[in-house]
Amino acid sequence: MKLATIIENKLSETFAPETLTVEDESEKHRGHAGYREGGDSHFRVWIKAAAFEPMTRLQRHRAVHEALGADVMGRLHALALHIEA
C-alpha cells in the first residue's frame, strides 16, 4: 500500500477531518536528500478538523505525528503540514 494512502487512512480515523488532502511531492525532490525512486519520501498534508480547535500549532503537529506513529514517521523524509481547526 502506498504511504500516501496509509497517511490518509490514519489521519481520517484519528481526526474525522472535514477536509483532508495528502500529496506525494517526492518527484519534486528528485536529486535531493531523502529522495527515493518511486516516491513515498516527501509529503504535504492539508487537514481541517474540529479536533484541532483547542490545540496550539505545536500541539496540532505533535498530534498528527502521534496519529501517524513511529513506523510511518520513520518511512518518510519530509512532511509539510497545513492544519486548520
PDB file of N, CA and C in Angstrom:
ATOM      1  N   MET A   1       0.846  -1.179   0.000  1.00  0.00           N
ATOM      2  CA  MET A   1       0.000   0.000   0.000  1.00  0.00           C
ATOM      3  C   MET A   1       0.896   1.248   0.000  1.00  0.00           C
ATOM      4  N   LYS A   2       0.516   2.220  -0.807  1.00  0.00           N
ATOM      5  CA  LYS A   2       1.286   3.462  -0.890  1.00  0.00           C
ATOM      6  C   LYS A   2       1.211   4.205   0.439  1.00  0.00           C
ATOM      7  N   LEU A   3       2.306   4.866   0.781  1.00  0.00           N
ATOM      8  CA  LEU A   3       2.386   5.594   2.040  1.00  0.00           C
ATOM      9  C   LEU A   3       1.344   6.707   2.112  1.00  0.00           C
ATOM     10  N   ALA A   4       1.030   7.356   0.997  1.00  0.00           N
ATOM     11  CA  ALA A   4       0.011   8.410   0.984  1.00  0.00           C
ATOM     12  C   ALA A   4      -1.342   7.860   1.446  1.00  0.00           C
ATOM     13  N   THR A   5      -1.673   6.652   1.046  1.00  0.00           N
ATOM     14  CA  THR A   5      -2.931   6.023   1.453  1.00  0.00           C
ATOM     15  C   THR A   5      -2.925   5.704   2.938  1.00  0.00           C
ATOM     16  N   ILE A   6      -1.804   5.232   3.433  1.00  0.00           N
ATOM     17  CA  ILE A   6      -1.672   4.925   4.855  1.00  0.00           C
ATOM     18  C   ILE A   6      -1.828   6.198   5.677  1.00  0.00           C
ATOM     19  N   ILE A   7      -1.167   7.278   5.246  1.00  0.00           N
ATOM     20  CA  ILE A   7      -1.267   8.566   5.941  1.00  0.00           C
ATOM     21  C   ILE A   7      -2.716   9.032   5.956  1.00  0.00           C
ATOM     22  N   GLU A   8      -3.375   8.973   4.808  1.00  0.00           N
ATOM     23  CA  GLU A   8      -4.766   9.409   4.708  1.00  0.00           C
ATOM     24  C   GLU A   8      -5.665   8.592   5.629  1.00  0.00           C
ATOM     25  N   ASN A   9      -5.492   7.284   5.646  1.00  0.00           N
ATOM     26  CA  ASN A   9      -6.316   6.418   6.489  1.00  0.00           C
ATOM     27  C   ASN A   9      -6.125   6.713   7.969  1.00  0.00           C
ATOM     28  N   LYS A  10      -4.886   6.837   8.394  1.00  0.00           N
ATOM     29  CA  LYS A  10      -4.604   7.091   9.812  1.00  0.00           C
ATOM     30  C   LYS A  10      -5.163   8.438  10.262  1.00  0.00           C
ATOM     31  N   LEU A  11      -4.985   9.469   9.447  1.00  0.00           N
ATOM     32  CA  LEU A  11      -5.483  10.791   9.826  1.00  0.00           C
ATOM     33  C   LEU A  11      -7.011  10.832   9.802  1.00  0.00           C
ATOM     34  N   SER A  12      -7.629  10.152   8.869  1.00  0.00           N
ATOM     35  CA  SER A  12      -9.090  10.090   8.808  1.00  0.00           C
ATOM     36  C   SER A  12      -9.662   9.395  10.036  1.00  0.00           C
ATOM     37  N   GLU A  13      -9.056   8.279  10.413  1.00  0.00           N
ATOM     38  CA  GLU A  13      -9.524   7.515  11.577  1.00  0.00           C
ATOM     39  C   GLU A  13      -9.357   8.309  12.869  1.00  0.00           C
ATOM     40  N   THR A  14      -8.263   9.033  12.994  1.00  0.00           N
ATOM     41  CA  THR A  14      -7.954   9.732  14.240  1.00  0.00           C
ATOM     42  C   THR A  14      -8.720  11.038  14.399  1.00  0.00           C
ATOM     43  N   PHE A  15      -8.830  11.830  13.320  1.00  0.00           N
ATOM     44  CA  PHE A  15      -9.355  13.187  13.448  1.00  0.00           C
ATOM     45  C   PHE A  15     -10.723  13.414  12.797  1.00  0.00           C
ATOM     46  N   ALA A  16     -11.249  12.475  12.040  1.00  0.00           N
ATOM     47  CA  ALA A  16     -12.513  12.650  11.323  1.00  0.00           C
ATOM     48  C   ALA A  16     -12.555  14.035  10.665  1.00  0.00           C
ATOM     49  N   PRO A  17     -11.607  14.306   9.779  1.00  0.00           N
ATOM     50  CA  PRO A  17     -11.483  15.656   9.221  1.00  0.00           C
ATOM     51  C   PRO A  17     -12.632  16.065   8.305  1.00  0.00           C
ATOM     52  N   GLU A  18     -12.867  17.375   8.298  1.00  0.00           N
ATOM     53  CA  GLU A  18     -13.822  17.973   7.366  1.00  0.00           C
ATOM     54  C   GLU A  18     -13.230  17.935   5.958  1.00  0.00           C
ATOM     55  N   THR A  19     -11.937  18.241   5.868  1.00  0.00           N
ATOM     56  CA  THR A  19     -11.210  18.119   4.607  1.00  0.00           C
ATOM     57  C   THR A  19      -9.847  17.503   4.880  1.00  0.00           C
ATOM     58  N   LEU A  20      -9.363  16.740   3.911  1.00  0.00           N
ATOM     59  CA  LEU A  20      -8.043  16.107   4.028  1.00  0.00           C
ATOM     60  C   LEU A  20      -7.493  15.867   2.629  1.00  0.00           C
ATOM     61  N   THR A  21      -6.289  16.366   2.399  1.00  0.00           N
ATOM     62  CA  THR A  21      -5.574  16.111   1.150  1.00  0.00           C
ATOM     63  C   THR A  21      -4.162  15.691   1.496  1.00  0.00           C
ATOM     64  N   VAL A  22      -3.725  14.590   0.931  1.00  0.00           N
ATOM     65  CA  VAL A  22      -2.360  14.109   1.121  1.00  0.00           C
ATOM     66  C   VAL A  22      -1.711  14.059  -0.257  1.00  0.00           C
ATOM     67  N   GLU A  23      -0.651  14.823  -0.424  1.00  0.00           N
ATOM     68  CA  GLU A  23       0.020  14.911  -1.724  1.00  0.00           C
ATOM     69  C   GLU A  23       1.451  14.381  -1.608  1.00  0.00           C
ATOM     70  N   ASP A  24       1.778  13.424  -2.458  1.00  0.00           N
ATOM     71  CA  ASP A  24       3.146  12.905  -2.531  1.00  0.00           C
ATOM     72  C   ASP A  24       3.945  13.842  -3.434  1.00  0.00           C
ATOM     73  N   GLU A  25       4.831  14.622  -2.846  1.00  0.00           N
ATOM     74  CA  GLU A  25       5.644  15.592  -3.595  1.00  0.00           C
ATOM     75  C   GLU A  25       7.049  15.063  -3.872  1.00  0.00           C
ATOM     76  N   SER A  26       7.242  13.784  -3.743  1.00  0.00           N
ATOM     77  CA  SER A  26       8.575  13.192  -3.863  1.00  0.00           C
ATOM     78  C   SER A  26       9.265  13.530  -5.180  1.00  0.00           C
ATOM     79  N   GLU A  27       8.518  13.479  -6.266  1.00  0.00           N
ATOM     80  CA  GLU A  27       9.126  13.716  -7.577  1.00  0.00           C
ATOM     81  C   GLU A  27       9.713  15.124  -7.693  1.00  0.00           C
ATOM     82  N   LYS A  28       9.153  16.077  -6.967  1.00  0.00           N
ATOM     83  CA  LYS A  28       9.677  17.448  -6.964  1.00  0.00           C
ATOM     84  C   LYS A  28      11.057  17.523  -6.310  1.00  0.00           C
ATOM     85  N   HIS A  29      11.446  16.470  -5.598  1.00  0.00           N
ATOM     86  CA  HIS A  29      12.702  16.460  -4.853  1.00  0.00           C
ATOM     87  C   HIS A  29      13.732  15.503  -5.436  1.00  0.00           C
ATOM     88  N   ARG A  30      13.504  15.095  -6.670  1.00  0.00           N
ATOM     89  CA  ARG A  30      14.459  14.195  -7.345  1.00  0.00           C
ATOM     90  C   ARG A  30      15.855  14.823  -7.295  1.00  0.00           C
ATOM     91  N   GLY A  31      16.821  14.044  -6.868  1.00  0.00           N
ATOM     92  CA  GLY A  31      18.195  14.518  -6.784  1.00  0.00           C
ATOM     93  C   GLY A  31      18.538  15.160  -5.445  1.00  0.00           C
ATOM     94  N   HIS A  32      17.546  15.373  -4.591  1.00  0.00           N
ATOM     95  CA  HIS A  32      17.776  15.970  -3.275  1.00  0.00           C
ATOM     96  C   HIS A  32      17.874  14.882  -2.211  1.00  0.00           C
ATOM     97  N   ALA A  33      18.293  15.276  -1.041  1.00  0.00           N
ATOM     98  CA  ALA A  33      18.421  14.344   0.077  1.00  0.00           C
ATOM     99  C   ALA A  33      17.082  13.680   0.378  1.00  0.00           C
ATOM    100  N   GLY A  34      17.129  12.402   0.655  1.00  0.00           N
ATOM    101  CA  GLY A  34      15.948  11.670   1.050  1.00  0.00           C
ATOM    102  C   GLY A  34      15.075  11.177  -0.088  1.00  0.00           C
ATOM    103  N   TYR A  35      15.355  11.576  -1.331  1.00  0.00           N
ATOM    104  CA  TYR A  35      14.547  11.136  -2.463  1.00  0.00           C
ATOM    105  C   TYR A  35      14.722   9.636  -2.671  1.00  0.00           C
ATOM    106  N   ARG A  36      13.606   8.952  -2.924  1.00  0.00           N
ATOM    107  CA  ARG A  36      13.636   7.527  -3.250  1.00  0.00           C
ATOM    108  C   ARG A  36      12.908   7.327  -4.577  1.00  0.00           C
ATOM    109  N   GLU A  37      13.467   6.517  -5.418  1.00  0.00           N
ATOM    110  CA  GLU A  37      12.815   6.181  -6.683  1.00  0.00           C
ATOM    111  C   GLU A  37      11.452   5.569  -6.378  1.00  0.00           C
ATOM    112  N   GLY A  38      10.433   6.045  -7.049  1.00  0.00           N
ATOM    113  CA  GLY A  38       9.087   5.523  -6.824  1.00  0.00           C
ATOM    114  C   GLY A  38       8.275   6.344  -5.836  1.00  0.00           C
ATOM    115  N   GLY A  39       8.874   7.380  -5.256  1.00  0.00           N
ATOM    116  CA  GLY A  39       8.139   8.253  -4.343  1.00  0.00           C
ATOM    117  C   GLY A  39       8.144   7.774  -2.908  1.00  0.00           C
ATOM    118  N   ASP A  40       7.092   8.156  -2.188  1.00  0.00           N
ATOM    119  CA  ASP A  40       6.932   7.795  -0.780  1.00  0.00           C
ATOM    120  C   ASP A  40       8.023   8.365   0.123  1.00  0.00           C
ATOM    121  N   SER A  41       8.491   9.580  -0.178  1.00  0.00           N
ATOM    122  CA  SER A  41       9.517  10.181   0.688  1.00  0.00           C
ATOM    123  C   SER A  41       9.157  11.585   1.165  1.00  0.00           C
ATOM    124  N   HIS A  42       8.488  12.375   0.335  1.00  0.00           N
ATOM    125  CA  HIS A  42       8.165  13.771   0.665  1.00  0.00           C
ATOM    126  C   HIS A  42       6.650  13.992   0.515  1.00  0.00           C
ATOM    127  N   PHE A  43       6.007  14.462   1.585  1.00  0.00           N
ATOM    128  CA  PHE A  43       4.560  14.627   1.566  1.00  0.00           C
ATOM    129  C   PHE A  43       4.134  16.002   2.055  1.00  0.00           C
ATOM    130  N   ARG A  44       2.984  16.446   1.557  1.00  0.00           N
ATOM    131  CA  ARG A  44       2.344  17.676   2.021  1.00  0.00           C
ATOM    132  C   ARG A  44       0.902  17.293   2.366  1.00  0.00           C
ATOM    133  N   VAL A  45       0.482  17.685   3.581  1.00  0.00           N
ATOM    134  CA  VAL A  45      -0.847  17.345   4.070  1.00  0.00           C
ATOM    135  C   VAL A  45      -1.608  18.617   4.415  1.00  0.00           C
ATOM    136  N   TRP A  46      -2.839  18.703   3.902  1.00  0.00           N
ATOM    137  CA  TRP A  46      -3.780  19.755   4.287  1.00  0.00           C
ATOM    138  C   TRP A  46      -4.897  19.049   5.030  1.00  0.00           C
ATOM    139  N   ILE A  47      -5.154  19.477   6.279  1.00  0.00           N
ATOM    140  CA  ILE A  47      -6.200  18.844   7.067  1.00  0.00           C
ATOM    141  C   ILE A  47      -6.959  19.906   7.856  1.00  0.00           C
ATOM    142  N   LYS A  48      -8.275  19.741   7.880  1.00  0.00           N
ATOM    143  CA  LYS A  48      -9.133  20.628   8.662  1.00  0.00           C
ATOM    144  C   LYS A  48     -10.048  19.741   9.479  1.00  0.00           C
ATOM    145  N   ALA A  49      -9.985  19.906  10.826  1.00  0.00           N
ATOM    146  CA  ALA A  49     -10.799  19.074  11.705  1.00  0.00           C
ATOM    147  C   ALA A  49     -11.101  19.827  12.993  1.00  0.00           C
ATOM    148  N   ALA A  50     -12.285  19.637  13.498  1.00  0.00           N
ATOM    149  CA  ALA A  50     -12.696  20.275  14.749  1.00  0.00           C
ATOM    150  C   ALA A  50     -11.818  19.821  15.917  1.00  0.00           C
ATOM    151  N   ALA A  51     -11.260  18.643  15.828  1.00  0.00           N
ATOM    152  CA  ALA A  51     -10.414  18.113  16.904  1.00  0.00           C
ATOM    153  C   ALA A  51      -9.218  19.013  17.196  1.00  0.00           C
ATOM    154  N   PHE A  52      -8.812  19.818  16.228  1.00  0.00           N
ATOM    155  CA  PHE A  52      -7.653  20.694  16.411  1.00  0.00           C
ATOM    156  C   PHE A  52      -7.995  22.020  17.096  1.00  0.00           C
ATOM    157  N   GLU A  53      -9.278  22.313  17.262  1.00  0.00           N
ATOM    158  CA  GLU A  53      -9.726  23.606  17.792  1.00  0.00           C
ATOM    159  C   GLU A  53      -9.021  24.012  19.099  1.00  0.00           C
ATOM    160  N   PRO A  54      -8.961  23.146  20.103  1.00  0.00           N
ATOM    161  CA  PRO A  54      -8.358  23.586  21.371  1.00  0.00           C
ATOM    162  C   PRO A  54      -6.820  23.531  21.395  1.00  0.00           C
ATOM    163  N   MET A  55      -6.204  23.122  20.317  1.00  0.00           N
ATOM    164  CA  MET A  55      -4.754  22.893  20.311  1.00  0.00           C
ATOM    165  C   MET A  55      -3.976  24.083  19.767  1.00  0.00           C
ATOM    166  N   THR A  56      -2.767  24.245  20.292  1.00  0.00           N
ATOM    167  CA  THR A  56      -1.832  25.217  19.735  1.00  0.00           C
ATOM    168  C   THR A  56      -1.249  24.617  18.462  1.00  0.00           C
ATOM    169  N   ARG A  57      -0.525  25.430  17.726  1.00  0.00           N
ATOM    170  CA  ARG A  57       0.095  24.947  16.486  1.00  0.00           C
ATOM    171  C   ARG A  57       1.025  23.767  16.764  1.00  0.00           C
ATOM    172  N   LEU A  58       1.832  23.862  17.808  1.00  0.00           N
ATOM    173  CA  LEU A  58       2.759  22.789  18.160  1.00  0.00           C
ATOM    174  C   LEU A  58       1.998  21.526  18.564  1.00  0.00           C
ATOM    175  N   GLN A  59       0.946  21.671  19.331  1.00  0.00           N
ATOM    176  CA  GLN A  59       0.145  20.515  19.742  1.00  0.00           C
ATOM    177  C   GLN A  59      -0.496  19.833  18.539  1.00  0.00           C
ATOM    178  N   ARG A  60      -0.930  20.624  17.566  1.00  0.00           N
ATOM    179  CA  ARG A  60      -1.526  20.053  16.358  1.00  0.00           C
ATOM    180  C   ARG A  60      -0.512  19.202  15.592  1.00  0.00           C
ATOM    181  N   HIS A  61       0.691  19.729  15.442  1.00  0.00           N
ATOM    182  CA  HIS A  61       1.737  18.984  14.727  1.00  0.00           C
ATOM    183  C   HIS A  61       2.089  17.710  15.480  1.00  0.00           C
ATOM    184  N   ARG A  62       2.216  17.821  16.794  1.00  0.00           N
ATOM    185  CA  ARG A  62       2.522  16.636  17.596  1.00  0.00           C
ATOM    186  C   ARG A  62       1.408  15.598  17.495  1.00  0.00           C
ATOM    187  N   ALA A  63       0.159  16.057  17.477  1.00  0.00           N
ATOM    188  CA  ALA A  63      -0.973  15.136  17.375  1.00  0.00           C
ATOM    189  C   ALA A  63      -0.951  14.386  16.043  1.00  0.00           C
ATOM    190  N   VAL A  64      -0.629  15.079  14.970  1.00  0.00           N
ATOM    191  CA  VAL A  64      -0.539  14.428  13.664  1.00  0.00           C
ATOM    192  C   VAL A  64       0.594  13.406  13.665  1.00  0.00           C
ATOM    193  N   HIS A  65       1.748  13.782  14.189  1.00  0.00           N
ATOM    194  CA  HIS A  65       2.884  12.855  14.243  1.00  0.00           C
ATOM    195  C   HIS A  65       2.515  11.613  15.064  1.00  0.00           C
ATOM    196  N   GLU A  66       1.841  11.826  16.193  1.00  0.00           N
ATOM    197  CA  GLU A  66       1.435  10.707  17.034  1.00  0.00           C
ATOM    198  C   GLU A  66       0.426   9.811  16.311  1.00  0.00           C
ATOM    199  N   ALA A  67      -0.520  10.425  15.612  1.00  0.00           N
ATOM    200  CA  ALA A  67      -1.524   9.655  14.871  1.00  0.00           C
ATOM    201  C   ALA A  67      -0.877   8.803  13.787  1.00  0.00           C
ATOM    202  N   LEU A  68       0.150   9.337  13.145  1.00  0.00           N
ATOM    203  CA  LEU A  68       0.834   8.578  12.089  1.00  0.00           C
ATOM    204  C   LEU A  68       1.679   7.453  12.664  1.00  0.00           C
ATOM    205  N   GLY A  69       2.234   7.662  13.847  1.00  0.00           N
ATOM    206  CA  GLY A  69       3.022   6.630  14.508  1.00  0.00           C
ATOM    207  C   GLY A  69       4.462   6.583  14.037  1.00  0.00           C
ATOM    208  N   ALA A  70       5.279   5.943  14.829  1.00  0.00           N
ATOM    209  CA  ALA A  70       6.715   5.861  14.581  1.00  0.00           C
ATOM    210  C   ALA A  70       7.036   5.150  13.268  1.00  0.00           C
ATOM    211  N   ASP A  71       6.245   4.149  12.919  1.00  0.00           N
ATOM    212  CA  ASP A  71       6.507   3.401  11.688  1.00  0.00           C
ATOM    213  C   ASP A  71       6.385   4.301  10.456  1.00  0.00           C
ATOM    214  N   VAL A  72       5.286   5.046  10.359  1.00  0.00           N
ATOM    215  CA  VAL A  72       5.078   5.930   9.212  1.00  0.00           C
ATOM    216  C   VAL A  72       6.091   7.073   9.243  1.00  0.00           C
ATOM    217  N   MET A  73       6.262   7.703  10.399  1.00  0.00           N
ATOM    218  CA  MET A  73       7.191   8.824  10.503  1.00  0.00           C
ATOM    219  C   MET A  73       8.617   8.398  10.134  1.00  0.00           C
ATOM    220  N   GLY A  74       8.976   7.170  10.447  1.00  0.00           N
ATOM    221  CA  GLY A  74      10.303   6.663  10.128  1.00  0.00           C
ATOM    222  C   GLY A  74      10.491   6.354   8.652  1.00  0.00           C
ATOM    223  N   ARG A  75       9.397   6.199   7.923  1.00  0.00           N
ATOM    224  CA  ARG A  75       9.475   5.854   6.496  1.00  0.00           C
ATOM    225  C   ARG A  75       9.536   7.063   5.583  1.00  0.00           C
ATOM    226  N   LEU A  76       9.165   8.243   6.093  1.00  0.00           N
ATOM    227  CA  LEU A  76       9.181   9.407   5.212  1.00  0.00           C
ATOM    228  C   LEU A  76      10.346  10.333   5.539  1.00  0.00           C
ATOM    229  N   HIS A  77      10.719  11.132   4.559  1.00  0.00           N
ATOM    230  CA  HIS A  77      11.837  12.058   4.726  1.00  0.00           C
ATOM    231  C   HIS A  77      11.362  13.450   5.104  1.00  0.00           C
ATOM    232  N   ALA A  78      10.244  13.889   4.527  1.00  0.00           N
ATOM    233  CA  ALA A  78       9.738  15.244   4.792  1.00  0.00           C
ATOM    234  C   ALA A  78       8.218  15.221   4.844  1.00  0.00           C
ATOM    235  N   LEU A  79       7.669  15.996   5.787  1.00  0.00           N
ATOM    236  CA  LEU A  79       6.226  16.092   5.952  1.00  0.00           C
ATOM    237  C   LEU A  79       5.870  17.552   6.225  1.00  0.00           C
ATOM    238  N   ALA A  80       5.217  18.183   5.252  1.00  0.00           N
ATOM    239  CA  ALA A  80       4.752  19.568   5.415  1.00  0.00           C
ATOM    240  C   ALA A  80       3.295  19.514   5.825  1.00  0.00           C
ATOM    241  N   LEU A  81       2.964  20.188   6.930  1.00  0.00           N
ATOM    242  CA  LEU A  81       1.602  20.146   7.466  1.00  0.00           C
ATOM    243  C   LEU A  81       0.927  21.504   7.395  1.00  0.00           C
ATOM    244  N   HIS A  82      -0.302  21.500   6.915  1.00  0.00           N
ATOM    245  CA  HIS A  82      -1.158  22.689   6.897  1.00  0.00           C
ATOM    246  C   HIS A  82      -2.419  22.268   7.662  1.00  0.00           C
ATOM    247  N   ILE A  83      -2.512  22.718   8.916  1.00  0.00           N
ATOM    248  CA  ILE A  83      -3.565  22.248   9.811  1.00  0.00           C
ATOM    249  C   ILE A  83      -4.497  23.388  10.191  1.00  0.00           C
ATOM    250  N   GLU A  84      -5.806  23.144  10.038  1.00  0.00           N
ATOM    251  CA  GLU A  84      -6.826  24.122  10.426  1.00  0.00           C
ATOM    252  C   GLU A  84      -7.849  23.457  11.348  1.00  0.00           C
ATOM    253  N   ALA A  85      -8.437  24.272  12.204  1.00  0.00           N
ATOM    254  CA  ALA A  85      -9.497  23.770  13.094  1.00  0.00           C
ATOM    255  C   ALA A  85     -10.844  24.063  12.473  1.00  0.00           C
TER     256      ALA A  85
END
